[in-house]
N, C-alpha and C. Protein backbone atom coordinates (compact mmCIF):
# COMPACT_ATOMS: atom_id res chain seq x y z
N MET A 1 39.96 -30.62 29.45
CA MET A 1 39.97 -30.64 30.91
C MET A 1 38.69 -29.99 31.41
N LEU A 2 38.03 -30.62 32.37
CA LEU A 2 36.79 -30.05 32.92
C LEU A 2 37.09 -28.77 33.67
N ASP A 3 36.10 -27.88 33.75
CA ASP A 3 36.29 -26.59 34.41
C ASP A 3 36.71 -26.78 35.87
N ARG A 4 36.08 -27.74 36.55
CA ARG A 4 36.39 -27.96 37.96
C ARG A 4 37.82 -28.46 38.13
N ASN A 5 38.21 -29.41 37.25
CA ASN A 5 39.58 -29.94 37.29
C ASN A 5 40.58 -28.84 36.96
N LEU A 6 40.23 -27.98 35.99
CA LEU A 6 41.11 -26.89 35.59
C LEU A 6 41.29 -25.92 36.76
N GLU A 7 40.20 -25.60 37.41
CA GLU A 7 40.27 -24.68 38.55
C GLU A 7 41.15 -25.27 39.66
N GLU A 8 40.99 -26.56 39.93
CA GLU A 8 41.79 -27.23 40.96
C GLU A 8 43.27 -27.25 40.57
N ALA A 9 43.53 -27.52 39.27
CA ALA A 9 44.92 -27.58 38.80
C ALA A 9 45.59 -26.20 38.93
N ILE A 10 44.84 -25.15 38.59
CA ILE A 10 45.40 -23.80 38.74
C ILE A 10 45.71 -23.52 40.21
N TYR A 11 44.79 -23.89 41.08
CA TYR A 11 44.99 -23.67 42.52
C TYR A 11 46.23 -24.40 43.02
N GLN A 12 46.39 -25.67 42.61
CA GLN A 12 47.55 -26.47 43.05
C GLN A 12 48.85 -25.86 42.53
N MET A 13 48.83 -25.38 41.27
CA MET A 13 50.04 -24.79 40.70
C MET A 13 50.38 -23.48 41.41
N GLN A 14 49.37 -22.73 41.84
CA GLN A 14 49.61 -21.47 42.55
C GLN A 14 50.28 -21.75 43.90
N LYS A 15 49.94 -22.87 44.51
CA LYS A 15 50.50 -23.20 45.82
C LYS A 15 51.99 -23.58 45.72
N LEU A 16 52.41 -24.09 44.56
CA LEU A 16 53.80 -24.49 44.39
C LEU A 16 54.69 -23.25 44.35
N ASN A 17 55.90 -23.38 44.87
CA ASN A 17 56.85 -22.28 44.83
C ASN A 17 57.63 -22.43 43.53
N THR A 18 57.06 -21.87 42.45
CA THR A 18 57.67 -22.03 41.12
C THR A 18 58.44 -20.78 40.75
N GLU A 19 59.22 -20.88 39.67
CA GLU A 19 60.00 -19.74 39.21
C GLU A 19 59.07 -18.68 38.65
N ASN A 20 59.62 -17.47 38.49
CA ASN A 20 58.81 -16.34 38.06
C ASN A 20 58.08 -16.58 36.73
N GLY A 21 58.76 -17.15 35.74
CA GLY A 21 58.14 -17.38 34.43
C GLY A 21 56.91 -18.28 34.53
N VAL A 22 57.05 -19.39 35.29
CA VAL A 22 55.93 -20.32 35.45
C VAL A 22 54.86 -19.69 36.32
N LYS A 23 55.26 -19.03 37.39
CA LYS A 23 54.31 -18.39 38.30
C LYS A 23 53.47 -17.36 37.54
N GLN A 24 54.13 -16.62 36.66
CA GLN A 24 53.41 -15.60 35.87
C GLN A 24 52.39 -16.28 34.95
N LEU A 25 52.77 -17.39 34.33
CA LEU A 25 51.82 -18.12 33.47
C LEU A 25 50.63 -18.62 34.26
N VAL A 26 50.88 -19.15 35.47
CA VAL A 26 49.80 -19.67 36.31
C VAL A 26 48.86 -18.53 36.74
N GLU A 27 49.44 -17.39 37.10
CA GLU A 27 48.60 -16.24 37.50
C GLU A 27 47.75 -15.76 36.33
N GLU A 28 48.36 -15.73 35.17
CA GLU A 28 47.62 -15.31 33.97
C GLU A 28 46.49 -16.31 33.66
N ALA A 29 46.78 -17.61 33.83
CA ALA A 29 45.75 -18.64 33.61
C ALA A 29 44.61 -18.45 34.61
N ALA A 30 44.94 -18.11 35.87
CA ALA A 30 43.89 -17.88 36.88
C ALA A 30 43.02 -16.70 36.48
N GLN A 31 43.65 -15.63 35.98
CA GLN A 31 42.89 -14.45 35.53
C GLN A 31 41.96 -14.81 34.37
N LEU A 32 42.49 -15.54 33.40
CA LEU A 32 41.67 -15.94 32.25
C LEU A 32 40.51 -16.82 32.69
N PHE A 33 40.78 -17.75 33.62
CA PHE A 33 39.71 -18.62 34.11
C PHE A 33 38.63 -17.80 34.81
N ALA A 34 39.07 -16.82 35.60
CA ALA A 34 38.11 -15.96 36.33
C ALA A 34 37.26 -15.16 35.35
N ASN A 35 37.81 -14.81 34.18
CA ASN A 35 37.08 -14.04 33.17
C ASN A 35 36.25 -14.93 32.25
N GLY A 36 36.23 -16.24 32.52
CA GLY A 36 35.42 -17.16 31.72
C GLY A 36 36.10 -17.65 30.46
N ARG A 37 37.38 -17.37 30.30
CA ARG A 37 38.12 -17.81 29.11
C ARG A 37 38.86 -19.11 29.46
N HIS A 38 38.09 -20.16 29.65
CA HIS A 38 38.61 -21.42 30.18
C HIS A 38 39.58 -22.11 29.23
N MET A 39 39.30 -22.05 27.92
CA MET A 39 40.19 -22.74 26.97
C MET A 39 41.58 -22.12 27.00
N GLU A 40 41.62 -20.79 27.02
CA GLU A 40 42.92 -20.12 27.04
C GLU A 40 43.64 -20.38 28.36
N ALA A 41 42.88 -20.41 29.46
CA ALA A 41 43.47 -20.69 30.77
C ALA A 41 44.07 -22.10 30.79
N GLY A 42 43.35 -23.06 30.19
CA GLY A 42 43.84 -24.43 30.12
C GLY A 42 45.12 -24.53 29.31
N ALA A 43 45.17 -23.75 28.19
CA ALA A 43 46.37 -23.77 27.35
C ALA A 43 47.57 -23.21 28.12
N LEU A 44 47.37 -22.12 28.83
CA LEU A 44 48.48 -21.54 29.62
C LEU A 44 48.93 -22.49 30.73
N LEU A 45 47.97 -23.14 31.37
CA LEU A 45 48.31 -24.07 32.44
C LEU A 45 49.13 -25.24 31.89
N GLU A 46 48.72 -25.76 30.73
CA GLU A 46 49.48 -26.86 30.11
C GLU A 46 50.90 -26.39 29.75
N LYS A 47 51.01 -25.15 29.30
CA LYS A 47 52.32 -24.60 28.98
C LYS A 47 53.19 -24.55 30.23
N ALA A 48 52.60 -24.06 31.35
CA ALA A 48 53.35 -23.98 32.61
C ALA A 48 53.77 -25.37 33.07
N GLU A 49 52.86 -26.35 32.95
CA GLU A 49 53.20 -27.73 33.35
C GLU A 49 54.32 -28.29 32.48
N ALA A 50 54.26 -27.98 31.18
CA ALA A 50 55.30 -28.48 30.27
C ALA A 50 56.65 -27.87 30.62
N ILE A 51 56.64 -26.58 30.93
CA ILE A 51 57.91 -25.92 31.30
C ILE A 51 58.47 -26.55 32.56
N MET A 52 57.57 -26.77 33.56
CA MET A 52 58.03 -27.39 34.82
C MET A 52 58.53 -28.81 34.59
N ALA A 53 57.83 -29.57 33.74
CA ALA A 53 58.25 -30.94 33.46
C ALA A 53 59.58 -30.94 32.72
N ASN A 54 59.73 -30.01 31.79
CA ASN A 54 60.98 -29.91 31.03
C ASN A 54 62.14 -29.54 31.95
N ARG A 55 61.91 -28.63 32.87
CA ARG A 55 62.97 -28.25 33.81
C ARG A 55 63.31 -29.40 34.74
N GLY A 56 62.26 -30.16 35.15
CA GLY A 56 62.50 -31.31 36.02
C GLY A 56 63.30 -32.38 35.29
N ALA A 57 62.98 -32.57 34.00
CA ALA A 57 63.70 -33.58 33.22
C ALA A 57 65.14 -33.15 33.01
N LEU A 58 65.33 -31.86 32.75
CA LEU A 58 66.69 -31.36 32.58
C LEU A 58 67.49 -31.47 33.88
N ALA A 59 66.85 -31.19 34.99
CA ALA A 59 67.54 -31.26 36.28
C ALA A 59 67.92 -32.71 36.60
N GLY A 60 67.07 -33.68 36.22
CA GLY A 60 67.35 -35.09 36.50
C GLY A 60 68.48 -35.63 35.64
N THR A 61 68.66 -35.12 34.44
CA THR A 61 69.68 -35.67 33.53
C THR A 61 70.99 -34.92 33.62
N ARG A 62 71.02 -33.82 34.33
CA ARG A 62 72.23 -33.01 34.43
C ARG A 62 73.29 -33.72 35.28
N PRO A 63 74.52 -33.72 34.88
CA PRO A 63 75.56 -34.26 35.76
C PRO A 63 75.75 -33.35 36.96
N SER A 64 76.32 -33.92 38.03
CA SER A 64 76.44 -33.17 39.28
C SER A 64 77.36 -31.97 39.14
N SER A 65 78.37 -32.05 38.33
CA SER A 65 79.24 -30.89 38.13
C SER A 65 79.47 -30.69 36.65
N PRO A 66 78.53 -30.04 35.98
CA PRO A 66 78.67 -29.87 34.52
C PRO A 66 79.76 -28.86 34.22
N PRO A 67 80.38 -29.04 33.09
CA PRO A 67 81.38 -28.06 32.69
C PRO A 67 80.69 -26.75 32.34
N ALA A 68 81.42 -25.68 32.42
CA ALA A 68 80.84 -24.35 32.23
C ALA A 68 80.25 -24.19 30.84
N GLY A 69 80.92 -24.69 29.79
CA GLY A 69 80.42 -24.57 28.42
C GLY A 69 79.14 -25.37 28.23
N ARG A 70 79.09 -26.54 28.85
CA ARG A 70 77.91 -27.42 28.74
C ARG A 70 76.71 -26.76 29.39
N ASN A 71 76.88 -26.14 30.54
CA ASN A 71 75.79 -25.48 31.26
C ASN A 71 75.21 -24.36 30.39
N GLU A 72 76.09 -23.59 29.76
CA GLU A 72 75.63 -22.49 28.89
C GLU A 72 74.85 -23.05 27.72
N HIS A 73 75.36 -24.17 27.15
CA HIS A 73 74.68 -24.80 26.02
C HIS A 73 73.30 -25.31 26.44
N SER A 74 73.18 -25.89 27.63
CA SER A 74 71.89 -26.38 28.13
C SER A 74 70.90 -25.24 28.28
N LYS A 75 71.38 -24.12 28.78
CA LYS A 75 70.49 -22.97 28.94
C LYS A 75 69.98 -22.49 27.58
N LEU A 76 70.88 -22.49 26.60
CA LEU A 76 70.47 -22.07 25.25
C LEU A 76 69.45 -23.04 24.67
N GLU A 77 69.71 -24.35 24.87
CA GLU A 77 68.76 -25.35 24.38
C GLU A 77 67.41 -25.20 25.07
N GLU A 78 67.46 -24.99 26.39
CA GLU A 78 66.21 -24.84 27.14
C GLU A 78 65.44 -23.61 26.67
N ARG A 79 66.18 -22.52 26.46
CA ARG A 79 65.55 -21.29 25.98
C ARG A 79 64.95 -21.51 24.59
N ALA A 80 65.65 -22.25 23.73
CA ALA A 80 65.15 -22.54 22.38
C ALA A 80 63.87 -23.38 22.46
N LYS A 81 63.88 -24.37 23.39
CA LYS A 81 62.67 -25.20 23.55
C LYS A 81 61.50 -24.36 24.04
N VAL A 82 61.76 -23.48 24.98
CA VAL A 82 60.70 -22.61 25.50
C VAL A 82 60.16 -21.73 24.38
N ASP A 83 61.09 -21.19 23.56
CA ASP A 83 60.67 -20.35 22.44
C ASP A 83 59.84 -21.15 21.44
N ASP A 84 60.31 -22.41 21.18
CA ASP A 84 59.56 -23.27 20.26
C ASP A 84 58.17 -23.55 20.80
N ARG A 85 58.10 -23.84 22.11
CA ARG A 85 56.79 -24.11 22.71
C ARG A 85 55.90 -22.87 22.62
N ALA A 86 56.50 -21.70 22.85
CA ALA A 86 55.73 -20.45 22.76
C ALA A 86 55.18 -20.27 21.36
N LYS A 87 56.03 -20.58 20.35
CA LYS A 87 55.56 -20.47 18.96
C LYS A 87 54.44 -21.46 18.69
N VAL A 88 54.60 -22.70 19.20
CA VAL A 88 53.55 -23.72 19.02
C VAL A 88 52.26 -23.25 19.69
N ASP A 89 52.39 -22.69 20.90
CA ASP A 89 51.21 -22.19 21.62
C ASP A 89 50.55 -21.05 20.86
N GLU A 90 51.40 -20.16 20.34
CA GLU A 90 50.84 -19.04 19.56
C GLU A 90 50.12 -19.55 18.33
N GLN A 91 50.71 -20.56 17.67
CA GLN A 91 50.08 -21.14 16.48
C GLN A 91 48.77 -21.81 16.85
N ALA A 92 48.78 -22.52 17.98
CA ALA A 92 47.54 -23.19 18.43
C ALA A 92 46.47 -22.15 18.72
N MET A 93 46.86 -21.06 19.39
CA MET A 93 45.90 -19.98 19.69
C MET A 93 45.39 -19.35 18.40
N ALA A 94 46.30 -19.16 17.43
CA ALA A 94 45.90 -18.57 16.15
C ALA A 94 44.93 -19.50 15.43
N ASN A 95 45.22 -20.82 15.45
CA ASN A 95 44.30 -21.79 14.84
C ASN A 95 42.94 -21.77 15.52
N MET A 96 42.97 -21.73 16.86
CA MET A 96 41.73 -21.69 17.62
C MET A 96 40.93 -20.43 17.29
N ALA A 97 41.64 -19.30 17.24
CA ALA A 97 40.98 -18.03 16.90
C ALA A 97 40.40 -18.09 15.50
N GLY A 98 41.16 -18.70 14.56
CA GLY A 98 40.67 -18.85 13.19
C GLY A 98 39.40 -19.68 13.13
N LYS A 99 39.40 -20.80 13.89
CA LYS A 99 38.21 -21.65 13.91
C LYS A 99 37.03 -20.93 14.53
N LEU A 100 37.29 -20.19 15.61
CA LEU A 100 36.21 -19.40 16.22
C LEU A 100 35.68 -18.36 15.25
N ALA A 101 36.59 -17.70 14.54
CA ALA A 101 36.17 -16.68 13.57
C ALA A 101 35.34 -17.31 12.45
N ASP A 102 35.78 -18.50 11.97
CA ASP A 102 35.01 -19.19 10.94
C ASP A 102 33.62 -19.54 11.44
N GLY A 103 33.56 -20.06 12.68
CA GLY A 103 32.27 -20.42 13.26
C GLY A 103 31.36 -19.22 13.40
N LEU A 104 31.92 -18.12 13.93
CA LEU A 104 31.12 -16.90 14.07
C LEU A 104 30.68 -16.36 12.71
N SER A 105 31.57 -16.46 11.74
CA SER A 105 31.24 -15.99 10.39
C SER A 105 30.08 -16.78 9.82
N LYS A 106 30.10 -18.11 10.01
CA LYS A 106 29.00 -18.95 9.51
C LYS A 106 27.70 -18.62 10.23
N ILE A 107 27.79 -18.41 11.54
CA ILE A 107 26.59 -18.08 12.32
C ILE A 107 26.01 -16.75 11.85
N LEU A 108 26.90 -15.74 11.71
CA LEU A 108 26.42 -14.42 11.27
C LEU A 108 25.86 -14.48 9.85
N THR A 109 26.53 -15.23 8.97
CA THR A 109 26.04 -15.35 7.60
C THR A 109 24.66 -15.99 7.59
N GLY A 110 24.50 -17.05 8.38
CA GLY A 110 23.19 -17.70 8.47
C GLY A 110 22.13 -16.76 9.02
N ALA A 111 22.50 -15.99 10.05
CA ALA A 111 21.54 -15.05 10.65
C ALA A 111 21.14 -13.97 9.65
N PHE A 112 22.13 -13.45 8.90
CA PHE A 112 21.82 -12.42 7.90
C PHE A 112 20.95 -12.98 6.78
N GLN A 113 21.23 -14.21 6.37
CA GLN A 113 20.40 -14.83 5.32
C GLN A 113 18.98 -15.02 5.81
N GLU A 114 18.83 -15.46 7.06
CA GLU A 114 17.50 -15.63 7.64
C GLU A 114 16.77 -14.29 7.72
N LEU A 115 17.50 -13.25 8.14
CA LEU A 115 16.91 -11.91 8.21
C LEU A 115 16.50 -11.43 6.82
N GLU A 116 17.34 -11.69 5.83
CA GLU A 116 17.02 -11.29 4.46
C GLU A 116 15.76 -12.00 3.97
N ARG A 117 15.67 -13.32 4.24
CA ARG A 117 14.46 -14.06 3.84
C ARG A 117 13.22 -13.51 4.53
N HIS A 118 13.37 -13.18 5.80
CA HIS A 118 12.23 -12.63 6.55
C HIS A 118 11.80 -11.29 5.97
N ILE A 119 12.77 -10.41 5.67
CA ILE A 119 12.44 -9.09 5.12
C ILE A 119 11.79 -9.22 3.75
N ILE A 120 12.32 -10.13 2.92
CA ILE A 120 11.73 -10.33 1.59
C ILE A 120 10.30 -10.85 1.72
N GLY A 121 10.08 -11.79 2.64
CA GLY A 121 8.73 -12.32 2.86
C GLY A 121 7.77 -11.24 3.31
N GLU A 122 8.22 -10.41 4.26
CA GLU A 122 7.36 -9.32 4.74
C GLU A 122 7.10 -8.30 3.63
N SER A 123 8.11 -8.03 2.81
CA SER A 123 7.94 -7.09 1.70
C SER A 123 6.93 -7.62 0.71
N ARG A 124 6.98 -8.92 0.44
CA ARG A 124 6.00 -9.51 -0.48
C ARG A 124 4.59 -9.42 0.08
N LYS A 125 4.45 -9.68 1.38
CA LYS A 125 3.13 -9.58 2.00
C LYS A 125 2.59 -8.16 1.87
N ILE A 126 3.45 -7.17 2.18
CA ILE A 126 3.02 -5.76 2.10
C ILE A 126 2.67 -5.40 0.66
N SER A 127 3.49 -5.86 -0.29
CA SER A 127 3.26 -5.57 -1.70
C SER A 127 1.92 -6.17 -2.16
N THR A 128 1.65 -7.43 -1.77
CA THR A 128 0.40 -8.08 -2.12
C THR A 128 -0.78 -7.33 -1.53
N SER A 129 -0.66 -6.92 -0.27
CA SER A 129 -1.73 -6.18 0.39
C SER A 129 -1.99 -4.85 -0.31
N LEU A 130 -0.91 -4.15 -0.68
CA LEU A 130 -1.07 -2.87 -1.39
C LEU A 130 -1.72 -3.08 -2.76
N GLU A 131 -1.33 -4.14 -3.46
CA GLU A 131 -1.94 -4.42 -4.77
C GLU A 131 -3.44 -4.67 -4.62
N GLN A 132 -3.82 -5.45 -3.60
CA GLN A 132 -5.24 -5.73 -3.38
C GLN A 132 -6.00 -4.44 -3.06
N GLN A 133 -5.42 -3.59 -2.23
CA GLN A 133 -6.08 -2.32 -1.89
C GLN A 133 -6.19 -1.42 -3.11
N LEU A 134 -5.16 -1.40 -3.95
CA LEU A 134 -5.21 -0.60 -5.18
C LEU A 134 -6.30 -1.12 -6.13
N GLU A 135 -6.41 -2.45 -6.23
CA GLU A 135 -7.46 -3.03 -7.08
C GLU A 135 -8.84 -2.64 -6.58
N ARG A 136 -9.04 -2.71 -5.23
CA ARG A 136 -10.34 -2.31 -4.67
C ARG A 136 -10.61 -0.84 -4.92
N LEU A 137 -9.58 -0.01 -4.77
CA LEU A 137 -9.73 1.43 -5.00
C LEU A 137 -10.05 1.69 -6.47
N GLN A 138 -9.39 0.97 -7.38
CA GLN A 138 -9.66 1.13 -8.81
C GLN A 138 -11.11 0.74 -9.12
N ALA A 139 -11.57 -0.37 -8.51
CA ALA A 139 -12.96 -0.80 -8.72
C ALA A 139 -13.92 0.26 -8.21
N ASN A 140 -13.62 0.87 -7.06
CA ASN A 140 -14.48 1.93 -6.51
C ASN A 140 -14.50 3.15 -7.42
N VAL A 141 -13.31 3.50 -7.96
CA VAL A 141 -13.24 4.66 -8.87
C VAL A 141 -14.07 4.37 -10.13
N GLU A 142 -13.94 3.16 -10.67
CA GLU A 142 -14.73 2.81 -11.86
C GLU A 142 -16.22 2.84 -11.54
N SER A 143 -16.59 2.36 -10.37
CA SER A 143 -18.00 2.39 -9.95
C SER A 143 -18.49 3.82 -9.84
N LEU A 144 -17.66 4.71 -9.26
CA LEU A 144 -18.04 6.12 -9.15
C LEU A 144 -18.15 6.77 -10.53
N THR A 145 -17.27 6.39 -11.44
CA THR A 145 -17.32 6.93 -12.81
C THR A 145 -18.64 6.53 -13.47
N GLN A 146 -19.02 5.27 -13.31
CA GLN A 146 -20.29 4.78 -13.89
C GLN A 146 -21.46 5.52 -13.24
N LEU A 147 -21.38 5.73 -11.94
CA LEU A 147 -22.45 6.45 -11.23
C LEU A 147 -22.55 7.89 -11.74
N LYS A 148 -21.41 8.50 -11.99
CA LYS A 148 -21.40 9.88 -12.52
C LYS A 148 -22.06 9.92 -13.89
N ILE A 149 -21.74 8.93 -14.75
CA ILE A 149 -22.35 8.87 -16.08
C ILE A 149 -23.86 8.72 -15.95
N ASN A 150 -24.27 7.80 -15.05
CA ASN A 150 -25.71 7.60 -14.84
C ASN A 150 -26.37 8.87 -14.33
N PHE A 151 -25.71 9.59 -13.44
CA PHE A 151 -26.26 10.83 -12.89
C PHE A 151 -26.39 11.90 -13.98
N GLU A 152 -25.37 11.98 -14.85
CA GLU A 152 -25.44 12.94 -15.96
C GLU A 152 -26.59 12.62 -16.90
N GLN A 153 -26.77 11.30 -17.18
CA GLN A 153 -27.88 10.89 -18.05
C GLN A 153 -29.22 11.24 -17.40
N LEU A 154 -29.32 11.01 -16.10
CA LEU A 154 -30.55 11.33 -15.37
C LEU A 154 -30.80 12.84 -15.38
N THR A 155 -29.75 13.62 -15.18
CA THR A 155 -29.87 15.09 -15.21
C THR A 155 -30.36 15.54 -16.58
N GLU A 156 -29.80 14.94 -17.61
CA GLU A 156 -30.22 15.29 -18.97
C GLU A 156 -31.68 14.93 -19.21
N ALA A 157 -32.07 13.73 -18.72
CA ALA A 157 -33.47 13.30 -18.90
C ALA A 157 -34.41 14.23 -18.15
N VAL A 158 -34.02 14.65 -16.92
CA VAL A 158 -34.86 15.58 -16.14
C VAL A 158 -34.96 16.91 -16.87
N SER A 159 -33.85 17.37 -17.46
CA SER A 159 -33.84 18.63 -18.20
C SER A 159 -34.77 18.54 -19.41
N LEU A 160 -34.72 17.39 -20.11
CA LEU A 160 -35.62 17.19 -21.25
C LEU A 160 -37.08 17.17 -20.81
N GLN A 161 -37.32 16.52 -19.67
CA GLN A 161 -38.69 16.48 -19.14
C GLN A 161 -39.18 17.87 -18.78
N LYS A 162 -38.27 18.67 -18.19
CA LYS A 162 -38.66 20.06 -17.86
C LYS A 162 -38.99 20.82 -19.12
N SER A 163 -38.15 20.68 -20.15
CA SER A 163 -38.40 21.37 -21.43
C SER A 163 -39.72 20.92 -22.03
N ALA A 164 -39.95 19.60 -22.00
CA ALA A 164 -41.21 19.07 -22.55
C ALA A 164 -42.38 19.57 -21.73
N GLY A 165 -42.21 19.62 -20.40
CA GLY A 165 -43.28 20.12 -19.52
C GLY A 165 -43.57 21.58 -19.80
N ALA A 166 -42.51 22.37 -20.01
CA ALA A 166 -42.71 23.80 -20.31
C ALA A 166 -43.42 23.96 -21.65
N ALA A 167 -43.01 23.16 -22.65
CA ALA A 167 -43.66 23.23 -23.96
C ALA A 167 -45.13 22.82 -23.86
N MET A 168 -45.38 21.78 -23.06
CA MET A 168 -46.78 21.34 -22.87
C MET A 168 -47.58 22.42 -22.14
N GLY A 169 -46.91 23.11 -21.19
CA GLY A 169 -47.60 24.19 -20.48
C GLY A 169 -47.99 25.31 -21.43
N GLN A 170 -47.06 25.67 -22.32
CA GLN A 170 -47.36 26.71 -23.31
C GLN A 170 -48.48 26.27 -24.23
N ARG A 171 -48.41 25.02 -24.67
CA ARG A 171 -49.46 24.48 -25.56
C ARG A 171 -50.80 24.49 -24.85
N HIS A 172 -50.74 24.12 -23.54
CA HIS A 172 -51.98 24.11 -22.76
C HIS A 172 -52.56 25.52 -22.64
N ASP A 173 -51.67 26.47 -22.42
CA ASP A 173 -52.12 27.86 -22.33
C ASP A 173 -52.75 28.31 -23.65
N GLN A 174 -52.10 27.92 -24.78
CA GLN A 174 -52.64 28.28 -26.10
C GLN A 174 -54.02 27.65 -26.30
N VAL A 175 -54.09 26.36 -25.99
CA VAL A 175 -55.38 25.65 -26.17
C VAL A 175 -56.43 26.26 -25.25
N SER A 176 -56.03 26.56 -24.03
CA SER A 176 -56.98 27.15 -23.08
C SER A 176 -57.48 28.50 -23.58
N SER A 177 -56.57 29.34 -24.14
CA SER A 177 -56.99 30.64 -24.68
C SER A 177 -57.93 30.45 -25.87
N GLN A 178 -57.60 29.46 -26.69
CA GLN A 178 -58.47 29.21 -27.85
C GLN A 178 -59.85 28.72 -27.40
N VAL A 179 -59.84 27.85 -26.38
CA VAL A 179 -61.13 27.34 -25.87
C VAL A 179 -61.94 28.50 -25.30
N THR A 180 -61.26 29.36 -24.54
CA THR A 180 -61.95 30.51 -23.95
C THR A 180 -62.51 31.41 -25.06
N ALA A 181 -61.69 31.66 -26.10
CA ALA A 181 -62.14 32.49 -27.21
C ALA A 181 -63.31 31.84 -27.92
N LEU A 182 -63.25 30.54 -28.11
CA LEU A 182 -64.31 29.79 -28.77
C LEU A 182 -65.59 29.85 -27.95
N GLN A 183 -65.46 29.76 -26.65
CA GLN A 183 -66.65 29.82 -25.77
C GLN A 183 -67.30 31.21 -25.86
N GLU A 184 -66.45 32.21 -25.87
CA GLU A 184 -66.98 33.57 -25.97
C GLU A 184 -67.68 33.76 -27.32
N THR A 185 -67.12 33.27 -28.39
CA THR A 185 -67.73 33.38 -29.72
C THR A 185 -69.04 32.63 -29.76
N THR A 186 -69.06 31.45 -29.20
CA THR A 186 -70.27 30.63 -29.18
C THR A 186 -71.35 31.34 -28.37
N ALA A 187 -70.96 31.94 -27.27
CA ALA A 187 -71.94 32.62 -26.42
C ALA A 187 -72.52 33.82 -27.17
N ARG A 188 -71.75 34.55 -27.89
CA ARG A 188 -72.22 35.70 -28.65
C ARG A 188 -73.16 35.26 -29.77
N GLN A 189 -72.77 34.19 -30.42
CA GLN A 189 -73.63 33.70 -31.50
C GLN A 189 -74.95 33.20 -30.95
N ASN A 190 -74.88 32.57 -29.82
CA ASN A 190 -76.13 32.06 -29.22
C ASN A 190 -77.04 33.25 -28.86
N ARG A 191 -76.50 34.30 -28.40
CA ARG A 191 -77.30 35.47 -28.07
C ARG A 191 -77.84 36.12 -29.35
N ALA A 192 -77.06 36.09 -30.35
CA ALA A 192 -77.50 36.70 -31.59
C ALA A 192 -78.61 35.88 -32.24
N TRP A 193 -78.66 34.67 -32.10
CA TRP A 193 -79.64 33.79 -32.71
C TRP A 193 -80.89 33.64 -31.86
N ARG A 194 -80.87 34.12 -30.74
CA ARG A 194 -82.01 33.91 -29.87
C ARG A 194 -83.10 34.94 -30.26
N PRO A 195 -84.38 34.52 -30.44
CA PRO A 195 -85.42 35.45 -30.85
C PRO A 195 -85.78 36.40 -29.72
N ALA A 196 -86.18 37.56 -30.09
CA ALA A 196 -86.54 38.57 -29.09
C ALA A 196 -87.95 38.31 -28.62
N ARG A 197 -88.32 38.64 -27.38
CA ARG A 197 -89.64 38.35 -26.86
C ARG A 197 -90.48 39.58 -26.84
């Protein structure tokens, strides 16, 4: 039943002067409709219409002066039918609720699976990024290690050069002293060999 038709049907049923049981069902259907629960309101309205139709049918088939036992039996039958209809309505509502629960369960399961896939994808991206950064850091550490080795070798070479320079300085000093001593000896000999005037 369309929402507009349902609303009109509820309004028409409210205008009728119905018995308390039917009137209560119609009022409850109006409340459900106002709360946006249209399917449940439609079910209650159909129940109220069925009760009214059943009472109308019973009233049409009743003899004008039923015997007292027959009247009591009719009331019991009517009450049994109402109870049966209530059970059918409850079963229909339970089935509807079950289907809604199944639908919601499937939707939630799908949403959780999608969320799980998204989280796994993001985790893989982060993991890949961290691995790449670690590889770059490892390459930098290895480069620094090689640079340290080269620096140590250079320091050692400079130290050797300093030692060699110091040794050459000492040798130069020795040679210079020997040259100076040789010059002095040569000068003395030259003076000794020079004839007197």
